[in-house]
Amino acid sequence: MVRPIREKRLQVLMTEKEYQALAEYSARMQLTMSELVRDFIRKLDTYS
């Protein structure tokens, strides 16, 4: 599988509670936080 070239970076500020929720969920799903965000974006109806 060819990995897409990633050229853009997103910085997000969040509360400690938001960060912990994302960290715990990503650990439970065995995905990185970045993978979770990318998966969410791919599910958007504006993603093509």
N, C-alpha and C. Protein backbone atom coordinates (compact mmCIF):
# COMPACT_ATOMS: atom_id res chain seq x y z
N MET A 1 0.83 -1.18 0.00
CA MET A 1 0.00 0.00 0.00
C MET A 1 0.88 1.25 0.00
N VAL A 2 0.56 2.18 -0.87
CA VAL A 2 1.32 3.42 -0.97
C VAL A 2 0.75 4.43 0.02
N ARG A 3 1.60 4.97 0.84
CA ARG A 3 1.18 5.98 1.81
C ARG A 3 1.05 7.33 1.14
N PRO A 4 -0.07 8.02 1.35
CA PRO A 4 -0.22 9.35 0.74
C PRO A 4 0.78 10.34 1.34
N ILE A 5 1.20 11.29 0.52
CA ILE A 5 2.10 12.33 1.01
C ILE A 5 1.28 13.33 1.81
N ARG A 6 1.69 13.56 3.01
CA ARG A 6 0.98 14.51 3.89
C ARG A 6 1.78 15.80 3.95
N GLU A 7 1.17 16.88 3.50
CA GLU A 7 1.87 18.16 3.43
C GLU A 7 1.31 19.20 4.38
N LYS A 8 0.14 18.98 4.92
CA LYS A 8 -0.52 19.97 5.76
C LYS A 8 -0.47 19.54 7.22
N ARG A 9 -0.35 20.52 8.10
CA ARG A 9 -0.30 20.27 9.54
C ARG A 9 -1.40 21.08 10.21
N LEU A 10 -2.04 20.47 11.19
CA LEU A 10 -3.10 21.15 11.94
C LEU A 10 -2.73 21.14 13.41
N GLN A 11 -2.81 22.30 14.02
CA GLN A 11 -2.54 22.40 15.46
C GLN A 11 -3.86 22.73 16.14
N VAL A 12 -4.22 21.98 17.16
CA VAL A 12 -5.50 22.15 17.83
C VAL A 12 -5.25 22.32 19.33
N LEU A 13 -5.84 23.37 19.89
CA LEU A 13 -5.78 23.56 21.33
C LEU A 13 -7.04 22.95 21.93
N MET A 14 -6.87 22.22 23.03
CA MET A 14 -8.01 21.59 23.70
C MET A 14 -7.78 21.57 25.19
N THR A 15 -8.86 21.33 25.90
CA THR A 15 -8.74 21.25 27.35
C THR A 15 -8.08 19.93 27.74
N GLU A 16 -7.65 19.85 28.97
CA GLU A 16 -7.06 18.60 29.47
C GLU A 16 -8.08 17.46 29.39
N LYS A 17 -9.33 17.77 29.70
CA LYS A 17 -10.38 16.75 29.65
C LYS A 17 -10.61 16.24 28.22
N GLU A 18 -10.62 17.15 27.25
CA GLU A 18 -10.77 16.75 25.84
C GLU A 18 -9.59 15.89 25.40
N TYR A 19 -8.38 16.31 25.79
CA TYR A 19 -7.18 15.56 25.42
C TYR A 19 -7.20 14.15 26.02
N GLN A 20 -7.55 14.05 27.29
CA GLN A 20 -7.60 12.74 27.95
C GLN A 20 -8.64 11.84 27.30
N ALA A 21 -9.79 12.40 26.95
CA ALA A 21 -10.83 11.61 26.30
C ALA A 21 -10.32 11.08 24.97
N LEU A 22 -9.66 11.92 24.18
CA LEU A 22 -9.12 11.49 22.89
C LEU A 22 -8.01 10.46 23.08
N ALA A 23 -7.14 10.69 24.04
CA ALA A 23 -6.03 9.76 24.30
C ALA A 23 -6.55 8.39 24.74
N GLU A 24 -7.53 8.37 25.62
CA GLU A 24 -8.09 7.10 26.08
C GLU A 24 -8.80 6.36 24.96
N TYR A 25 -9.57 7.10 24.16
CA TYR A 25 -10.29 6.48 23.05
C TYR A 25 -9.31 5.92 22.02
N SER A 26 -8.26 6.67 21.71
CA SER A 26 -7.29 6.21 20.73
C SER A 26 -6.56 4.96 21.23
N ALA A 27 -6.27 4.91 22.50
CA ALA A 27 -5.62 3.72 23.06
C ALA A 27 -6.56 2.51 22.98
N ARG A 28 -7.82 2.75 23.31
CA ARG A 28 -8.81 1.66 23.26
C ARG A 28 -8.99 1.14 21.84
N MET A 29 -8.95 2.04 20.85
CA MET A 29 -9.13 1.65 19.45
C MET A 29 -7.82 1.21 18.80
N GLN A 30 -6.72 1.34 19.52
CA GLN A 30 -5.38 1.01 19.04
C GLN A 30 -5.03 1.80 17.77
N LEU A 31 -5.35 3.09 17.81
CA LEU A 31 -5.03 4.02 16.74
C LEU A 31 -4.35 5.23 17.35
N THR A 32 -3.58 5.94 16.54
CA THR A 32 -3.01 7.19 17.02
C THR A 32 -4.10 8.26 16.99
N MET A 33 -3.87 9.32 17.72
CA MET A 33 -4.83 10.42 17.70
C MET A 33 -4.94 11.00 16.29
N SER A 34 -3.84 11.07 15.58
CA SER A 34 -3.86 11.56 14.20
C SER A 34 -4.71 10.66 13.31
N GLU A 35 -4.58 9.36 13.47
CA GLU A 35 -5.40 8.43 12.67
C GLU A 35 -6.88 8.63 12.94
N LEU A 36 -7.24 8.85 14.20
CA LEU A 36 -8.65 9.09 14.53
C LEU A 36 -9.17 10.35 13.85
N VAL A 37 -8.38 11.41 13.86
CA VAL A 37 -8.81 12.66 13.23
C VAL A 37 -8.95 12.45 11.72
N ARG A 38 -7.98 11.78 11.10
CA ARG A 38 -8.07 11.51 9.66
C ARG A 38 -9.29 10.66 9.32
N ASP A 39 -9.56 9.64 10.13
CA ASP A 39 -10.75 8.81 9.90
C ASP A 39 -12.03 9.63 9.98
N PHE A 40 -12.10 10.54 10.95
CA PHE A 40 -13.27 11.41 11.08
C PHE A 40 -13.43 12.28 9.83
N ILE A 41 -12.34 12.87 9.37
CA ILE A 41 -12.40 13.75 8.19
C ILE A 41 -12.87 12.97 6.97
N ARG A 42 -12.40 11.74 6.80
CA ARG A 42 -12.81 10.93 5.64
C ARG A 42 -14.30 10.61 5.64
N LYS A 43 -14.95 10.69 6.81
CA LYS A 43 -16.38 10.39 6.91
C LYS A 43 -17.25 11.62 6.62
N LEU A 44 -16.65 12.79 6.50
CA LEU A 44 -17.40 14.00 6.23
C LEU A 44 -17.98 13.96 4.82
N ASP A 45 -19.18 14.51 4.64
CA ASP A 45 -19.79 14.49 3.31
C ASP A 45 -19.07 15.43 2.34
N THR A 46 -18.23 16.32 2.86
CA THR A 46 -17.47 17.21 1.99
C THR A 46 -16.14 16.60 1.54
N TYR A 47 -15.80 15.42 2.06
CA TYR A 47 -14.56 14.74 1.68
C TYR A 47 -14.82 13.94 0.41
N SER A 48 -14.00 14.14 -0.58
CA SER A 48 -14.18 13.35 -1.81
C SER A 48 -12.87 12.84 -2.34
